[in-house]
Amino acid sequence: MNELTFVFWYWWVLALVFLVIEMLVSGFFFLWMAAAGLVTGGLIWAMPSIRLDTQILLFSLLSIAAIVTWKFLVKKPTTTSDHPLLNKRGAQYVGRIFDLYEAIENGQGKIKADDSIWKVHGDDCDINTKVKVIAVHGTVFDVQKVE
């Protein structure tokens, strides 16, 4: 019985197919399989006597090694900002003291912070009482009266 033989350029065609798939989907996953196909094809070109099962094993190991290496070496960049609260507008007000814009009745009121009016929760207070923002929950501040 004749053994199925893979010529070196079969692996290069498989690598080309993986490159096309990589262009259609994102994630760099198929790119490394294409690289493994290119390397496997190159090795088969250099040593054409390698059996098919060894070729498949070689391709599999190269693919796994390339993907795992990529996952470990390429990590998401951690950037630190000099303005960490830039897009967290409510968090910028924690710790600041404001006058009440609307009296706190039944636990709810309003303050004017810079150019905006914010809802607040806290103990009942009269208008123009000074309150300190202690926490933010969405668009509502938790406040406490400043003595």
C-alpha atoms as a PDB file:
ATOM      1  CA  MET A   1       0.000   0.000   0.000  1.00  0.00           C
ATOM      2  CA  ASN A   2       1.328   3.447  -0.937  1.00  0.00           C
ATOM      3  CA  GLU A   3       1.831   5.991   1.804  1.00  0.00           C
ATOM      4  CA  LEU A   4       0.319   9.432   1.323  1.00  0.00           C
ATOM      5  CA  THR A   5       3.135  11.924   0.811  1.00  0.00           C
ATOM      6  CA  PHE A   6       3.022  15.621   1.468  1.00  0.00           C
ATOM      7  CA  VAL A   7       5.248  17.653  -0.789  1.00  0.00           C
ATOM      8  CA  PHE A   8       6.811  20.738   0.798  1.00  0.00           C
ATOM      9  CA  TRP A   9       4.647  23.167  -1.155  1.00  0.00           C
ATOM     10  CA  TYR A  10       1.486  21.588   0.305  1.00  0.00           C
ATOM     11  CA  TRP A  11       2.525  23.082   3.633  1.00  0.00           C
ATOM     12  CA  TRP A  12       3.124  26.447   1.989  1.00  0.00           C
ATOM     13  CA  VAL A  13      -0.360  26.348   0.459  1.00  0.00           C
ATOM     14  CA  LEU A  14      -1.756  25.504   3.917  1.00  0.00           C
ATOM     15  CA  ALA A  15       0.196  28.480   5.308  1.00  0.00           C
ATOM     16  CA  LEU A  16      -1.325  30.696   2.610  1.00  0.00           C
ATOM     17  CA  VAL A  17      -4.811  29.453   3.545  1.00  0.00           C
ATOM     18  CA  PHE A  18      -4.118  30.309   7.190  1.00  0.00           C
ATOM     19  CA  LEU A  19      -2.936  33.786   6.154  1.00  0.00           C
ATOM     20  CA  VAL A  20      -6.180  34.346   4.230  1.00  0.00           C
ATOM     21  CA  ILE A  21      -8.178  33.189   7.257  1.00  0.00           C
ATOM     22  CA  GLU A  22      -6.142  35.569   9.421  1.00  0.00           C
ATOM     23  CA  MET A  23      -7.093  38.445   7.146  1.00  0.00           C
ATOM     24  CA  LEU A  24     -10.770  37.571   7.485  1.00  0.00           C
ATOM     25  CA  VAL A  25     -10.791  37.192  11.267  1.00  0.00           C
ATOM     26  CA  SER A  26      -8.791  39.099  13.845  1.00  0.00           C
ATOM     27  CA  GLY A  27      -6.701  37.901  16.719  1.00  0.00           C
ATOM     28  CA  PHE A  28      -3.326  36.817  15.298  1.00  0.00           C
ATOM     29  CA  PHE A  29      -4.160  33.163  16.002  1.00  0.00           C
ATOM     30  CA  PHE A  30      -3.967  31.873  12.435  1.00  0.00           C
ATOM     31  CA  LEU A  31      -0.870  33.956  11.708  1.00  0.00           C
ATOM     32  CA  TRP A  32       1.211  31.706  13.942  1.00  0.00           C
ATOM     33  CA  MET A  33      -0.239  28.578  12.349  1.00  0.00           C
ATOM     34  CA  ALA A  34       0.724  30.017   8.956  1.00  0.00           C
ATOM     35  CA  ALA A  35       4.256  30.599  10.247  1.00  0.00           C
ATOM     36  CA  ALA A  36       4.382  26.995  11.466  1.00  0.00           C
ATOM     37  CA  GLY A  37       3.220  25.841   8.016  1.00  0.00           C
ATOM     38  CA  LEU A  38       5.958  27.866   6.333  1.00  0.00           C
ATOM     39  CA  VAL A  39       8.623  26.446   8.652  1.00  0.00           C
ATOM     40  CA  THR A  40       7.315  22.902   8.217  1.00  0.00           C
ATOM     41  CA  GLY A  41       7.348  23.335   4.427  1.00  0.00           C
ATOM     42  CA  GLY A  42      10.897  24.637   4.588  1.00  0.00           C
ATOM     43  CA  LEU A  43      12.021  21.655   6.643  1.00  0.00           C
ATOM     44  CA  ILE A  44      10.286  19.221   4.276  1.00  0.00           C
ATOM     45  CA  TRP A  45      11.964  20.981   1.333  1.00  0.00           C
ATOM     46  CA  ALA A  46      15.355  20.552   3.041  1.00  0.00           C
ATOM     47  CA  MET A  47      14.680  16.955   4.166  1.00  0.00           C
ATOM     48  CA  PRO A  48      12.046  15.380   1.874  1.00  0.00           C
ATOM     49  CA  SER A  49      12.329  11.959   3.525  1.00  0.00           C
ATOM     50  CA  ILE A  50      10.341  12.992   6.624  1.00  0.00           C
ATOM     51  CA  ARG A  51       7.232  10.833   7.007  1.00  0.00           C
ATOM     52  CA  LEU A  52       3.722  12.330   7.002  1.00  0.00           C
ATOM     53  CA  ASP A  53       3.004  11.567  10.674  1.00  0.00           C
ATOM     54  CA  THR A  54       6.252  13.298  11.645  1.00  0.00           C
ATOM     55  CA  GLN A  55       5.348  16.258   9.440  1.00  0.00           C
ATOM     56  CA  ILE A  56       1.948  16.618  11.139  1.00  0.00           C
ATOM     57  CA  LEU A  57       3.539  16.275  14.577  1.00  0.00           C
ATOM     58  CA  LEU A  58       6.143  18.887  13.651  1.00  0.00           C
ATOM     59  CA  PHE A  59       3.475  21.289  12.370  1.00  0.00           C
ATOM     60  CA  SER A  60       1.368  20.781  15.502  1.00  0.00           C
ATOM     61  CA  LEU A  61       4.270  21.369  17.877  1.00  0.00           C
ATOM     62  CA  LEU A  62       5.444  24.440  15.978  1.00  0.00           C
ATOM     63  CA  SER A  63       1.900  25.861  15.956  1.00  0.00           C
ATOM     64  CA  ILE A  64       1.407  25.302  19.673  1.00  0.00           C
ATOM     65  CA  ALA A  65       4.855  26.672  20.513  1.00  0.00           C
ATOM     66  CA  ALA A  66       4.319  29.787  18.371  1.00  0.00           C
ATOM     67  CA  ILE A  67       0.861  30.511  19.815  1.00  0.00           C
ATOM     68  CA  VAL A  68       1.928  29.950  23.435  1.00  0.00           C
ATOM     69  CA  THR A  69       5.069  32.050  22.972  1.00  0.00           C
ATOM     70  CA  TRP A  70       3.020  34.860  21.453  1.00  0.00           C
ATOM     71  CA  LYS A  71       0.501  34.753  24.322  1.00  0.00           C
ATOM     72  CA  PHE A  72       3.246  34.993  26.947  1.00  0.00           C
ATOM     73  CA  LEU A  73       5.459  37.560  25.231  1.00  0.00           C
ATOM     74  CA  VAL A  74       2.778  39.929  24.003  1.00  0.00           C
ATOM     75  CA  LYS A  75       0.929  41.263  26.990  1.00  0.00           C
ATOM     76  CA  LYS A  76      -1.537  44.097  27.026  1.00  0.00           C
ATOM     77  CA  PRO A  77       0.331  47.320  27.590  1.00  0.00           C
ATOM     78  CA  THR A  78      -0.258  48.889  30.954  1.00  0.00           C
ATOM     79  CA  THR A  79      -0.167  52.605  30.600  1.00  0.00           C
ATOM     80  CA  THR A  80      -0.173  54.946  33.517  1.00  0.00           C
ATOM     81  CA  SER A  81      -1.672  58.354  33.131  1.00  0.00           C
ATOM     82  CA  ASP A  82      -0.800  61.614  34.796  1.00  0.00           C
ATOM     83  CA  HIS A  83      -4.587  62.233  34.952  1.00  0.00           C
ATOM     84  CA  PRO A  84      -6.071  58.923  36.174  1.00  0.00           C
ATOM     85  CA  LEU A  85      -9.512  60.450  36.852  1.00  0.00           C
ATOM     86  CA  LEU A  86      -9.806  62.180  33.476  1.00  0.00           C
ATOM     87  CA  ASN A  87     -12.715  60.049  32.236  1.00  0.00           C
ATOM     88  CA  LYS A  88     -14.198  59.472  35.687  1.00  0.00           C
ATOM     89  CA  ARG A  89     -15.803  62.821  36.169  1.00  0.00           C
ATOM     90  CA  GLY A  90     -17.740  61.972  39.309  1.00  0.00           C
ATOM     91  CA  ALA A  91     -14.669  60.542  41.032  1.00  0.00           C
ATOM     92  CA  GLN A  92     -12.922  63.892  40.578  1.00  0.00           C
ATOM     93  CA  TYR A  93     -15.278  65.421  43.137  1.00  0.00           C
ATOM     94  CA  VAL A  94     -14.696  62.936  45.973  1.00  0.00           C
ATOM     95  CA  GLY A  95     -13.258  64.772  48.960  1.00  0.00           C
ATOM     96  CA  ARG A  96     -14.329  68.224  47.766  1.00  0.00           C
ATOM     97  CA  ILE A  97     -16.699  70.476  49.725  1.00  0.00           C
ATOM     98  CA  PHE A  98     -19.711  72.178  48.109  1.00  0.00           C
ATOM     99  CA  ASP A  99     -22.712  74.260  49.131  1.00  0.00           C
ATOM    100  CA  LEU A 100     -26.074  72.571  48.668  1.00  0.00           C
ATOM    101  CA  TYR A 101     -27.907  73.840  45.602  1.00  0.00           C
ATOM    102  CA  GLU A 102     -31.156  72.237  46.720  1.00  0.00           C
ATOM    103  CA  ALA A 103     -31.876  71.172  50.300  1.00  0.00           C
ATOM    104  CA  ILE A 104     -31.544  67.481  51.124  1.00  0.00           C
ATOM    105  CA  GLU A 105     -35.030  66.251  51.981  1.00  0.00           C
ATOM    106  CA  ASN A 106     -35.838  62.594  52.537  1.00  0.00           C
ATOM    107  CA  GLY A 107     -32.198  61.808  51.822  1.00  0.00           C
ATOM    108  CA  GLN A 108     -32.094  63.447  48.371  1.00  0.00           C
ATOM    109  CA  GLY A 109     -30.893  66.837  47.212  1.00  0.00           C
ATOM    110  CA  LYS A 110     -28.596  68.583  44.734  1.00  0.00           C
ATOM    111  CA  ILE A 111     -25.266  70.357  44.642  1.00  0.00           C
ATOM    112  CA  LYS A 112     -23.699  72.574  42.018  1.00  0.00           C
ATOM    113  CA  ALA A 113     -20.203  71.312  41.235  1.00  0.00           C
ATOM    114  CA  ASP A 114     -18.321  73.507  38.793  1.00  0.00           C
ATOM    115  CA  ASP A 115     -20.731  73.831  35.836  1.00  0.00           C
ATOM    116  CA  SER A 116     -23.028  70.886  36.623  1.00  0.00           C
ATOM    117  CA  ILE A 117     -25.779  70.066  39.047  1.00  0.00           C
ATOM    118  CA  TRP A 118     -25.492  66.652  40.691  1.00  0.00           C
ATOM    119  CA  LYS A 119     -27.964  64.624  42.733  1.00  0.00           C
ATOM    120  CA  VAL A 120     -26.815  63.802  46.236  1.00  0.00           C
ATOM    121  CA  HIS A 121     -27.794  61.366  48.968  1.00  0.00           C
ATOM    122  CA  GLY A 122     -27.204  62.089  52.612  1.00  0.00           C
ATOM    123  CA  ASP A 123     -28.690  63.270  55.852  1.00  0.00           C
ATOM    124  CA  ASP A 124     -31.331  65.985  55.582  1.00  0.00           C
ATOM    125  CA  CYS A 125     -29.800  69.487  55.460  1.00  0.00           C
ATOM    126  CA  ASP A 126     -30.937  72.995  54.636  1.00  0.00           C
ATOM    127  CA  ILE A 127     -29.996  74.835  51.452  1.00  0.00           C
ATOM    128  CA  ASN A 128     -26.516  76.436  51.406  1.00  0.00           C
ATOM    129  CA  THR A 129     -25.202  73.916  53.945  1.00  0.00           C
ATOM    130  CA  LYS A 130     -21.646  72.834  53.257  1.00  0.00           C
ATOM    131  CA  VAL A 131     -21.345  69.128  52.396  1.00  0.00           C
ATOM    132  CA  LYS A 132     -18.393  66.924  51.519  1.00  0.00           C
ATOM    133  CA  VAL A 133     -18.600  64.348  48.734  1.00  0.00           C
ATOM    134  CA  ILE A 134     -17.572  60.987  50.210  1.00  0.00           C
ATOM    135  CA  ALA A 135     -18.500  58.548  47.414  1.00  0.00           C
ATOM    136  CA  VAL A 136     -19.924  58.324  43.910  1.00  0.00           C
ATOM    137  CA  HIS A 137     -22.541  55.830  42.731  1.00  0.00           C
ATOM    138  CA  GLY A 138     -23.054  56.352  39.021  1.00  0.00           C
ATOM    139  CA  THR A 139     -24.242  59.952  38.782  1.00  0.00           C
ATOM    140  CA  VAL A 140     -25.270  60.329  42.421  1.00  0.00           C
ATOM    141  CA  PHE A 141     -22.934  61.556  45.153  1.00  0.00           C
ATOM    142  CA  ASP A 142     -23.012  60.408  48.739  1.00  0.00           C
ATOM    143  CA  VAL A 143     -22.399  63.423  50.946  1.00  0.00           C
ATOM    144  CA  GLN A 144     -22.014  64.219  54.599  1.00  0.00           C
ATOM    145  CA  LYS A 145     -22.491  67.525  56.357  1.00  0.00           C
ATOM    146  CA  VAL A 146     -19.354  69.528  57.119  1.00  0.00           C
ATOM    147  CA  GLU A 147     -19.352  71.113  60.573  1.00  0.00           C
END
